PDB file of N, CA and C in Angstrom:
ATOM      1  N   UNK A   1      80.945 107.202 100.345  1.00  0.00           N
ATOM      2  CA  UNK A   1      79.737 107.408 101.355  1.00  0.00           C
ATOM      3  C   UNK A   1      78.601 108.524 101.115  1.00  0.00           C
ATOM      4  N   UNK A   2      79.952 109.161 102.027  1.00  0.00           N
ATOM      5  CA  UNK A   2      79.080 110.675 101.796  1.00  0.00           C
ATOM      6  C   UNK A   2      78.657 111.269 100.947  1.00  0.00           C
ATOM      7  N   UNK A   3      79.592 111.320  99.521  1.00  0.00           N
ATOM      8  CA  UNK A   3      78.705 111.565  98.205  1.00  0.00           C
ATOM      9  C   UNK A   3      77.520 111.391  98.019  1.00  0.00           C
ATOM     10  N   UNK A   4      77.597 109.909  98.313  1.00  0.00           N
ATOM     11  CA  UNK A   4      76.171 109.324  97.804  1.00  0.00           C
ATOM     12  C   UNK A   4      75.035 109.065  98.400  1.00  0.00           C
ATOM     13  N   UNK A   5      75.388 109.808 100.370  1.00  0.00           N
ATOM     14  CA  UNK A   5      74.179 110.422 100.607  1.00  0.00           C
ATOM     15  C   UNK A   5      73.787 111.554 100.682  1.00  0.00           C
ATOM     16  N   UNK A   6      74.727 112.127 100.003  1.00  0.00           N
ATOM     17  CA  UNK A   6      74.259 113.688 100.048  1.00  0.00           C
ATOM     18  C   UNK A   6      73.381 113.705  98.038  1.00  0.00           C
ATOM     19  N   UNK A   7      73.677 112.625  97.360  1.00  0.00           N
ATOM     20  CA  UNK A   7      73.155 112.386  96.368  1.00  0.00           C
ATOM     21  C   UNK A   7      71.549 112.044  96.429  1.00  0.00           C
ATOM     22  N   UNK A   8      71.673 111.175  97.641  1.00  0.00           N
ATOM     23  CA  UNK A   8      70.209 110.470  97.747  1.00  0.00           C
ATOM     24  C   UNK A   8      69.597 111.727  98.558  1.00  0.00           C
ATOM     25  N   UNK A   9      70.104 112.890  99.129  1.00  0.00           N
ATOM     26  CA  UNK A   9      68.805 113.610  99.893  1.00  0.00           C
ATOM     27  C   UNK A   9      68.731 114.754  98.829  1.00  0.00           C
ATOM     28  N   UNK A  10      69.115 114.880  97.774  1.00  0.00           N
ATOM     29  CA  UNK A  10      68.856 115.607  96.751  1.00  0.00           C
ATOM     30  C   UNK A  10      67.623 116.019  96.420  1.00  0.00           C
ATOM     31  N   UNK A  11      67.139 117.406  97.009  1.00  0.00           N
ATOM     32  CA  UNK A  11      65.555 118.090  96.852  1.00  0.00           C
ATOM     33  C   UNK A  11      65.456 118.607  95.469  1.00  0.00           C
ATOM     34  N   UNK A  12      64.549 118.921  94.646  1.00  0.00           N
ATOM     35  CA  UNK A  12      64.559 119.840  93.765  1.00  0.00           C
ATOM     36  C   UNK A  12      64.929 119.630  92.563  1.00  0.00           C
ATOM     37  N   UNK A  13      65.127 121.216  91.690  1.00  0.00           N
ATOM     38  CA  UNK A  13      65.377 120.970  90.278  1.00  0.00           C
ATOM     39  C   UNK A  13      66.959 120.835  90.235  1.00  0.00           C
ATOM     40  N   UNK A  14      67.628 121.455  91.108  1.00  0.00           N
ATOM     41  CA  UNK A  14      69.056 121.384  91.026  1.00  0.00           C
ATOM     42  C   UNK A  14      69.798 120.319  91.066  1.00  0.00           C
ATOM     43  N   UNK A  15      70.761 120.569  89.775  1.00  0.00           N
ATOM     44  CA  UNK A  15      71.518 119.234  89.610  1.00  0.00           C
ATOM     45  C   UNK A  15      72.697 119.762  90.094  1.00  0.00           C
ATOM     46  N   UNK A  16      73.648 118.857  90.337  1.00  0.00           N
ATOM     47  CA  UNK A  16      75.067 118.928  90.740  1.00  0.00           C
ATOM     48  C   UNK A  16      76.088 119.064  89.758  1.00  0.00           C
ATOM     49  N   UNK A  17      76.843 119.518  90.255  1.00  0.00           N
ATOM     50  CA  UNK A  17      77.874 120.108  89.474  1.00  0.00           C
ATOM     51  C   UNK A  17      78.350 119.032  88.791  1.00  0.00           C
ATOM     52  N   UNK A  18      79.467 119.171  87.512  1.00  0.00           N
ATOM     53  CA  UNK A  18      80.288 118.450  87.232  1.00  0.00           C
ATOM     54  C   UNK A  18      80.942 117.623  87.707  1.00  0.00           C
ATOM     55  N   UNK A  19      81.999 118.531  88.457  1.00  0.00           N
ATOM     56  CA  UNK A  19      82.770 118.260  89.579  1.00  0.00           C
ATOM     57  C   UNK A  19      82.552 117.327  90.425  1.00  0.00           C
ATOM     58  N   UNK A  20      81.234 117.528  90.766  1.00  0.00           N
ATOM     59  CA  UNK A  20      80.528 116.915  91.825  1.00  0.00           C
ATOM     60  C   UNK A  20      80.652 115.245  91.479  1.00  0.00           C
ATOM     61  N   UNK A  21      79.739 115.055  90.024  1.00  0.00           N
ATOM     62  CA  UNK A  21      79.249 113.981  89.278  1.00  0.00           C
ATOM     63  C   UNK A  21      80.828 113.193  89.010  1.00  0.00           C
ATOM     64  N   UNK A  22      81.992 113.751  88.739  1.00  0.00           N
ATOM     65  CA  UNK A  22      82.826 112.952  88.303  1.00  0.00           C
ATOM     66  C   UNK A  22      83.735 112.692  89.636  1.00  0.00           C
ATOM     67  N   UNK A  23      83.586 113.452  90.981  1.00  0.00           N
ATOM     68  CA  UNK A  23      83.959 112.880  92.442  1.00  0.00           C
ATOM     69  C   UNK A  23      83.170 111.660  92.372  1.00  0.00           C
ATOM     70  N   UNK A  24      81.795 111.342  92.503  1.00  0.00           N
ATOM     71  CA  UNK A  24      81.343 110.311  92.731  1.00  0.00           C
ATOM     72  C   UNK A  24      81.801 109.336  91.469  1.00  0.00           C
ATOM     73  N   UNK A  25      81.836 109.820  90.756  1.00  0.00           N
ATOM     74  CA  UNK A  25      82.028 108.182  89.722  1.00  0.00           C
ATOM     75  C   UNK A  25      83.311 107.989  90.593  1.00  0.00           C
ATOM     76  N   UNK A  26      85.017 108.601  90.366  1.00  0.00           N
ATOM     77  CA  UNK A  26      85.883 108.564  91.130  1.00  0.00           C
ATOM     78  C   UNK A  26      85.905 107.498  92.515  1.00  0.00           C
ATOM     79  N   UNK A  27      84.760 107.764  93.338  1.00  0.00           N
ATOM     80  CA  UNK A  27      85.055 107.593  94.615  1.00  0.00           C
ATOM     81  C   UNK A  27      84.366 105.951  94.471  1.00  0.00           C
ATOM     82  N   UNK A  28      83.101 106.231  93.472  1.00  0.00           N
ATOM     83  CA  UNK A  28      82.391 104.478  93.194  1.00  0.00           C
ATOM     84  C   UNK A  28      83.570 103.734  92.548  1.00  0.00           C
ATOM     85  N   UNK A  29      84.215 104.187  91.851  1.00  0.00           N
ATOM     86  CA  UNK A  29      85.257 103.354  90.743  1.00  0.00           C
ATOM     87  C   UNK A  29      86.503 102.846  92.046  1.00  0.00           C
ATOM     88  N   UNK A  30      86.913 103.459  92.699  1.00  0.00           N
ATOM     89  CA  UNK A  30      88.050 103.212  93.648  1.00  0.00           C
ATOM     90  C   UNK A  30      87.648 103.018  95.064  1.00  0.00           C
ATOM     91  N   UNK A  31      86.394 102.800  95.486  1.00  0.00           N
ATOM     92  CA  UNK A  31      86.219 102.297  96.801  1.00  0.00           C
ATOM     93  C   UNK A  31      86.380 101.076  97.079  1.00  0.00           C
ATOM     94  N   UNK A  32      86.958 100.816  98.581  1.00  0.00           N
ATOM     95  CA  UNK A  32      87.208  99.475  98.511  1.00  0.00           C
ATOM     96  C   UNK A  32      87.016  99.369  99.976  1.00  0.00           C
ATOM     97  N   UNK A  33      86.250 100.182 100.668  1.00  0.00           N
ATOM     98  CA  UNK A  33      85.254  99.618 101.864  1.00  0.00           C
ATOM     99  C   UNK A  33      84.370 100.042 101.951  1.00  0.00           C
ATOM    100  N   UNK A  34      83.513  98.942 101.707  1.00  0.00           N
ATOM    101  CA  UNK A  34      82.032  99.562 100.949  1.00  0.00           C
ATOM    102  C   UNK A  34      80.777  99.646 102.191  1.00  0.00           C
ATOM    103  N   UNK A  35      81.107  98.902 103.795  1.00  0.00           N
ATOM    104  CA  UNK A  35      80.147  99.197 104.798  1.00  0.00           C
ATOM    105  C   UNK A  35      80.736 100.475 105.190  1.00  0.00           C
ATOM    106  N   UNK A  36      79.008 101.527 105.971  1.00  0.00           N
ATOM    107  CA  UNK A  36      79.742 102.005 107.089  1.00  0.00           C
ATOM    108  C   UNK A  36      80.114 101.404 108.243  1.00  0.00           C
ATOM    109  N   UNK A  37      79.803 100.415 108.737  1.00  0.00           N
ATOM    110  CA  UNK A  37      80.379 100.115 109.892  1.00  0.00           C
ATOM    111  C   UNK A  37      81.816  99.626 109.874  1.00  0.00           C
ATOM    112  N   UNK A  38      82.229  99.140 108.343  1.00  0.00           N
ATOM    113  CA  UNK A  38      83.797  99.103 108.594  1.00  0.00           C
ATOM    114  C   UNK A  38      84.449 100.448 108.215  1.00  0.00           C
ATOM    115  N   UNK A  39      83.771 101.032 107.803  1.00  0.00           N
ATOM    116  CA  UNK A  39      84.463 102.612 107.880  1.00  0.00           C
ATOM    117  C   UNK A  39      84.543 103.001 109.302  1.00  0.00           C
ATOM    118  N   UNK A  40      83.616 103.045 109.853  1.00  0.00           N
ATOM    119  CA  UNK A  40      83.633 103.688 111.172  1.00  0.00           C
ATOM    120  C   UNK A  40      84.863 102.769 112.007  1.00  0.00           C
ATOM    121  N   UNK A  41      85.069 101.681 111.773  1.00  0.00           N
ATOM    122  CA  UNK A  41      85.617 100.691 112.491  1.00  0.00           C
ATOM    123  C   UNK A  41      87.386 100.925 112.085  1.00  0.00           C
ATOM    124  N   UNK A  42      87.447 101.335 110.703  1.00  0.00           N
ATOM    125  CA  UNK A  42      88.953 101.363 109.759  1.00  0.00           C
ATOM    126  C   UNK A  42      89.271 103.110 110.944  1.00  0.00           C
ATOM    127  N   UNK A  43      88.109 103.684 110.964  1.00  0.00           N
ATOM    128  CA  UNK A  43      88.408 105.355 111.350  1.00  0.00           C
ATOM    129  C   UNK A  43      89.108 104.846 112.967  1.00  0.00           C
ATOM    130  N   UNK A  44      88.253 104.305 113.858  1.00  0.00           N
ATOM    131  CA  UNK A  44      88.528 104.124 115.201  1.00  0.00           C
ATOM    132  C   UNK A  44      89.823 103.390 115.457  1.00  0.00           C
ATOM    133  N   UNK A  45      90.333 102.930 114.585  1.00  0.00           N
ATOM    134  CA  UNK A  45      91.832 102.069 114.387  1.00  0.00           C
ATOM    135  C   UNK A  45      92.877 103.222 114.610  1.00  0.00           C
ATOM    136  N   UNK A  46      92.684 103.773 113.262  1.00  0.00           N
ATOM    137  CA  UNK A  46      93.867 104.721 112.739  1.00  0.00           C
ATOM    138  C   UNK A  46      93.425 105.719 113.967  1.00  0.00           C
ATOM    139  N   UNK A  47      92.658 106.433 114.588  1.00  0.00           N
ATOM    140  CA  UNK A  47      92.725 107.599 115.480  1.00  0.00           C
ATOM    141  C   UNK A  47      93.169 107.224 116.284  1.00  0.00           C
ATOM    142  N   UNK A  48      93.334 106.181 116.664  1.00  0.00           N
ATOM    143  CA  UNK A  48      94.077 106.057 117.962  1.00  0.00           C
ATOM    144  C   UNK A  48      95.088 106.004 118.474  1.00  0.00           C
ATOM    145  N   UNK A  49      95.897 106.063 117.072  1.00  0.00           N
ATOM    146  CA  UNK A  49      97.241 106.154 117.116  1.00  0.00           C
ATOM    147  C   UNK A  49      97.683 107.603 116.625  1.00  0.00           C
ATOM    148  N   UNK A  50      98.747 107.845 116.585  1.00  0.00           N
ATOM    149  CA  UNK A  50      99.525 109.260 116.967  1.00  0.00           C
ATOM    150  C   UNK A  50      99.574 110.311 115.395  1.00  0.00           C
ATOM    151  N   UNK A  51      98.923 109.396 114.420  1.00  0.00           N
ATOM    152  CA  UNK A  51      98.710 109.858 113.010  1.00  0.00           C
ATOM    153  C   UNK A  51      97.873 111.585 113.273  1.00  0.00           C
ATOM    154  N   UNK A  52      98.675 112.227 112.307  1.00  0.00           N
ATOM    155  CA  UNK A  52      97.613 113.192 111.959  1.00  0.00           C
ATOM    156  C   UNK A  52      96.655 113.034 111.193  1.00  0.00           C
ATOM    157  N   UNK A  53      95.588 114.149 111.030  1.00  0.00           N
ATOM    158  CA  UNK A  53      94.139 113.793 110.341  1.00  0.00           C
ATOM    159  C   UNK A  53      94.742 113.286 108.871  1.00  0.00           C
ATOM    160  N   UNK A  54      95.538 114.196 108.192  1.00  0.00           N
ATOM    161  CA  UNK A  54      95.883 114.081 106.863  1.00  0.00           C
ATOM    162  C   UNK A  54      96.850 112.709 106.439  1.00  0.00           C
ATOM    163  N   UNK A  55      97.048 112.169 107.276  1.00  0.00           N
ATOM    164  CA  UNK A  55      97.932 110.611 107.364  1.00  0.00           C
ATOM    165  C   UNK A  55      96.821 109.650 107.471  1.00  0.00           C
ATOM    166  N   UNK A  56      96.270 109.477 108.299  1.00  0.00           N
ATOM    167  CA  UNK A  56      95.301 108.646 108.479  1.00  0.00           C
ATOM    168  C   UNK A  56      94.026 108.611 107.688  1.00  0.00           C
ATOM    169  N   UNK A  57      93.713 109.864 107.005  1.00  0.00           N
ATOM    170  CA  UNK A  57      92.785 110.261 105.732  1.00  0.00           C
ATOM    171  C   UNK A  57      93.672 109.440 104.132  1.00  0.00           C
ATOM    172  N   UNK A  58      95.056 109.586 104.214  1.00  0.00           N
ATOM    173  CA  UNK A  58      96.005 108.820 103.275  1.00  0.00           C
ATOM    174  C   UNK A  58      96.326 107.169 103.371  1.00  0.00           C
ATOM    175  N   UNK A  59      96.488 106.877 104.376  1.00  0.00           N
ATOM    176  CA  UNK A  59      96.408 105.688 104.615  1.00  0.00           C
ATOM    177  C   UNK A  59      95.229 104.970 104.486  1.00  0.00           C
ATOM    178  N   UNK A  60      94.194 105.301 104.675  1.00  0.00           N
ATOM    179  CA  UNK A  60      93.030 104.591 104.845  1.00  0.00           C
ATOM    180  C   UNK A  60      92.536 104.887 103.335  1.00  0.00           C
ATOM    181  N   UNK A  61      93.053 105.512 102.186  1.00  0.00           N
ATOM    182  CA  UNK A  61      92.430 105.844 101.233  1.00  0.00           C
ATOM    183  C   UNK A  61      93.224 105.035 100.196  1.00  0.00           C
ATOM    184  N   UNK A  62      94.744 105.000 100.625  1.00  0.00           N
ATOM    185  CA  UNK A  62      95.343 104.116  99.944  1.00  0.00           C
ATOM    186  C   UNK A  62      95.135 103.057 100.213  1.00  0.00           C
ATOM    187  N   UNK A  63      94.842 102.302 101.306  1.00  0.00           N
ATOM    188  CA  UNK A  63      94.858 100.936 101.645  1.00  0.00           C
ATOM    189  C   UNK A  63      95.607 100.310 101.807  1.00  0.00           C
ATOM    190  N   UNK A  64      97.283 100.793 102.413  1.00  0.00           N
ATOM    191  CA  UNK A  64      98.412 100.481 102.967  1.00  0.00           C
ATOM    192  C   UNK A  64      97.902  98.844 103.405  1.00  0.00           C
ATOM    193  N   UNK A  65      98.647  98.004 103.878  1.00  0.00           N
ATOM    194  CA  UNK A  65      98.234  96.483 104.323  1.00  0.00           C
ATOM    195  C   UNK A  65      99.963  96.021 104.938  1.00  0.00           C
ATOM    196  N   UNK A  66     101.093  97.261 104.797  1.00  0.00           N
ATOM    197  CA  UNK A  66     102.144  96.889 105.755  1.00  0.00           C
ATOM    198  C   UNK A  66     102.984  98.370 105.911  1.00  0.00           C
ATOM    199  N   UNK A  67     103.567  98.141 107.018  1.00  0.00           N
ATOM    200  CA  UNK A  67     104.206  99.545 106.940  1.00  0.00           C
ATOM    201  C   UNK A  67     105.259  99.905 106.197  1.00  0.00           C
ATOM    202  N   UNK A  68     105.691  99.378 105.700  1.00  0.00           N
ATOM    203  CA  UNK A  68     107.076  99.930 104.506  1.00  0.00           C
ATOM    204  C   UNK A  68     105.852 100.396 103.469  1.00  0.00           C
ATOM    205  N   UNK A  69     104.585  99.684 103.258  1.00  0.00           N
ATOM    206  CA  UNK A  69     104.210 100.335 101.663  1.00  0.00           C
ATOM    207  C   UNK A  69     103.781 101.675 102.440  1.00  0.00           C
ATOM    208  N   UNK A  70     103.299 101.955 103.805  1.00  0.00           N
ATOM    209  CA  UNK A  70     102.672 103.448 104.200  1.00  0.00           C
ATOM    210  C   UNK A  70     103.700 104.056 104.316  1.00  0.00           C
ATOM    211  N   UNK A  71     104.786 103.892 104.835  1.00  0.00           N
ATOM    212  CA  UNK A  71     105.713 104.671 104.783  1.00  0.00           C
ATOM    213  C   UNK A  71     106.582 105.215 103.312  1.00  0.00           C
ATOM    214  N   UNK A  72     106.200 104.467 102.468  1.00  0.00           N
ATOM    215  CA  UNK A  72     106.979 105.193 101.116  1.00  0.00           C
ATOM    216  C   UNK A  72     105.798 105.550 100.472  1.00  0.00           C
ATOM    217  N   UNK A  73     104.607 105.695 101.046  1.00  0.00           N
ATOM    218  CA  UNK A  73     103.684 106.472 100.237  1.00  0.00           C
ATOM    219  C   UNK A  73     103.155 107.867 100.798  1.00  0.00           C
ATOM    220  N   UNK A  74     103.543 107.236 102.546  1.00  0.00           N
ATOM    221  CA  UNK A  74     102.923 108.752 103.371  1.00  0.00           C
ATOM    222  C   UNK A  74     104.554 109.005 104.122  1.00  0.00           C
ATOM    223  N   UNK A  75     105.229 109.732 103.415  1.00  0.00           N
ATOM    224  CA  UNK A  75     106.890 109.818 103.999  1.00  0.00           C
ATOM    225  C   UNK A  75     106.649 110.343 105.769  1.00  0.00           C
ATOM    226  N   UNK A  76     105.857 111.279 106.075  1.00  0.00           N
ATOM    227  CA  UNK A  76     105.884 112.210 106.875  1.00  0.00           C
ATOM    228  C   UNK A  76     105.709 110.397 108.349  1.00  0.00           C
ATOM    229  N   UNK A  77     105.009 109.102 107.731  1.00  0.00           N
ATOM    230  CA  UNK A  77     104.795 108.250 109.163  1.00  0.00           C
ATOM    231  C   UNK A  77     106.572 107.930 109.683  1.00  0.00           C
ATOM    232  N   UNK A  78     107.533 108.136 108.633  1.00  0.00           N
ATOM    233  CA  UNK A  78     108.874 107.794 108.875  1.00  0.00           C
ATOM    234  C   UNK A  78     109.228 108.727 110.309  1.00  0.00           C
ATOM    235  N   UNK A  79     109.029 109.633 110.906  1.00  0.00           N
ATOM    236  CA  UNK A  79     108.671 110.556 112.022  1.00  0.00           C
ATOM    237  C   UNK A  79     108.120 110.187 113.394  1.00  0.00           C
ATOM    238  N   UNK A  80     106.810 110.324 112.117  1.00  0.00           N
ATOM    239  CA  UNK A  80     105.294 110.115 113.385  1.00  0.00           C
ATOM    240  C   UNK A  80     105.224 108.724 114.162  1.00  0.00           C
ATOM    241  N   UNK A  81     105.456 107.743 113.755  1.00  0.00           N
ATOM    242  CA  UNK A  81     105.048 106.386 114.448  1.00  0.00           C
ATOM    243  C   UNK A  81     106.266 105.320 114.318  1.00  0.00           C
ATOM    244  N   UNK A  82     106.336 104.808 115.550  1.00  0.00           N
ATOM    245  CA  UNK A  82     107.392 103.804 115.414  1.00  0.00           C
ATOM    246  C   UNK A  82     106.911 102.696 114.363  1.00  0.00           C
ATOM    247  N   UNK A  83     107.862 101.249 113.809  1.00  0.00           N
ATOM    248  CA  UNK A  83     107.337 100.776 112.778  1.00  0.00           C
ATOM    249  C   UNK A  83     106.825  99.830 113.100  1.00  0.00           C
ATOM    250  N   UNK A  84     106.885  99.258 114.401  1.00  0.00           N
ATOM    251  CA  UNK A  84     106.266  97.932 114.959  1.00  0.00           C
ATOM    252  C   UNK A  84     104.626  98.374 115.289  1.00  0.00           C
ATOM    253  N   UNK A  85     104.108  99.542 115.839  1.00  0.00           N
ATOM    254  CA  UNK A  85     103.163 100.326 116.224  1.00  0.00           C
ATOM    255  C   UNK A  85     102.476 100.435 114.918  1.00  0.00           C
ATOM    256  N   UNK A  86     103.011 101.074 113.872  1.00  0.00           N
ATOM    257  CA  UNK A  86     102.389 101.437 112.446  1.00  0.00           C
ATOM    258  C   UNK A  86     101.711  99.567 111.884  1.00  0.00           C
ATOM    259  N   UNK A  87     103.085  99.027 111.821  1.00  0.00           N
ATOM    260  CA  UNK A  87     102.715  97.762 111.421  1.00  0.00           C
ATOM    261  C   UNK A  87     101.237  96.736 112.492  1.00  0.00           C
ATOM    262  N   UNK A  88     101.252  97.324 113.073  1.00  0.00           N
ATOM    263  CA  UNK A  88     100.218  96.559 114.423  1.00  0.00           C
ATOM    264  C   UNK A  88      99.056  97.167 113.640  1.00  0.00           C
ATOM    265  N   UNK A  89      98.608  98.756 113.896  1.00  0.00           N
ATOM    266  CA  UNK A  89      97.721  99.147 113.274  1.00  0.00           C
ATOM    267  C   UNK A  89      97.256  98.766 111.702  1.00  0.00           C
ATOM    268  N   UNK A  90      97.899  98.472 110.944  1.00  0.00           N
ATOM    269  CA  UNK A  90      97.603  98.249 109.911  1.00  0.00           C
ATOM    270  C   UNK A  90      97.252  96.862 109.412  1.00  0.00           C
ATOM    271  N   UNK A  91      97.803  95.896 110.428  1.00  0.00           N
ATOM    272  CA  UNK A  91      97.633  94.698 110.440  1.00  0.00           C
ATOM    273  C   UNK A  91      95.914  94.482 110.878  1.00  0.00           C
ATOM    274  N   UNK A  92      96.001  95.471 111.791  1.00  0.00           N
ATOM    275  CA  UNK A  92      94.153  95.249 112.522  1.00  0.00           C
ATOM    276  C   UNK A  92      93.360  95.815 111.544  1.00  0.00           C
ATOM    277  N   UNK A  93      93.566  97.046 110.841  1.00  0.00           N
ATOM    278  CA  UNK A  93      92.534  97.373 109.797  1.00  0.00           C
ATOM    279  C   UNK A  93      92.526  96.466 109.021  1.00  0.00           C
ATOM    280  N   UNK A  94      93.355  95.613 108.114  1.00  0.00           N
ATOM    281  CA  UNK A  94      93.612  94.315 107.121  1.00  0.00           C
ATOM    282  C   UNK A  94      92.962  93.381 107.749  1.00  0.00           C
ATOM    283  N   UNK A  95      92.570  93.143 108.715  1.00  0.00           N
ATOM    284  CA  UNK A  95      92.014  92.166 109.187  1.00  0.00           C
ATOM    285  C   UNK A  95      90.130  92.714 109.549  1.00  0.00           C
ATOM    286  N   UNK A  96      90.204  93.911 109.656  1.00  0.00           N
ATOM    287  CA  UNK A  96      88.507  94.576 109.733  1.00  0.00           C
ATOM    288  C   UNK A  96      88.206  94.624 107.980  1.00  0.00           C
ATOM    289  N   UNK A  97      89.018  94.872 107.479  1.00  0.00           N
ATOM    290  CA  UNK A  97      88.455  94.817 105.371  1.00  0.00           C
ATOM    291  C   UNK A  97      88.133  93.548 105.233  1.00  0.00           C
ATOM    292  N   UNK A  98      89.125  92.458 105.920  1.00  0.00           N
ATOM    293  CA  UNK A  98      88.871  91.460 105.188  1.00  0.00           C
ATOM    294  C   UNK A  98      87.570  90.510 105.084  1.00  0.00           C
ATOM    295  N   UNK A  99      87.063  90.784 106.635  1.00  0.00           N
ATOM    296  CA  UNK A  99      85.811  90.455 106.770  1.00  0.00           C
ATOM    297  C   UNK A  99      84.728  90.991 107.063  1.00  0.00           C
ATOM    298  N   UNK A 100      84.979  92.323 105.877  1.00  0.00           N
ATOM    299  CA  UNK A 100      83.655  93.129 105.551  1.00  0.00           C
ATOM    300  C   UNK A 100      82.429  91.939 104.585  1.00  0.00           C
ATOM    301  N   UNK A 101      81.727  91.901 104.880  1.00  0.00           N
ATOM    302  CA  UNK A 101      80.746  91.398 103.905  1.00  0.00           C
ATOM    303  C   UNK A 101      79.373  91.865 103.840  1.00  0.00           C
TER     304      UNK A 101
END
């Protein structure tokens, strides 16, 4: 979403770099959250936890749906959070994403 905003605000004859274009294409292909308000809500839910910023980014980007999956993909969560707390957060995120439209 940030890349799209940057693309829309482009002024002048300067083109974007090849890496910017490839990054934008990648983000559009794998985008799972399509609304700004949903992004904000998911971020709000995840930031109220004890997760580090990089863990929040990974959990949100990977769209983890349960604590086992999140812990397998982000090993530092094994030390960071209790299983039940992580599961509750992820269920809330799944609920928010389910009702975006």
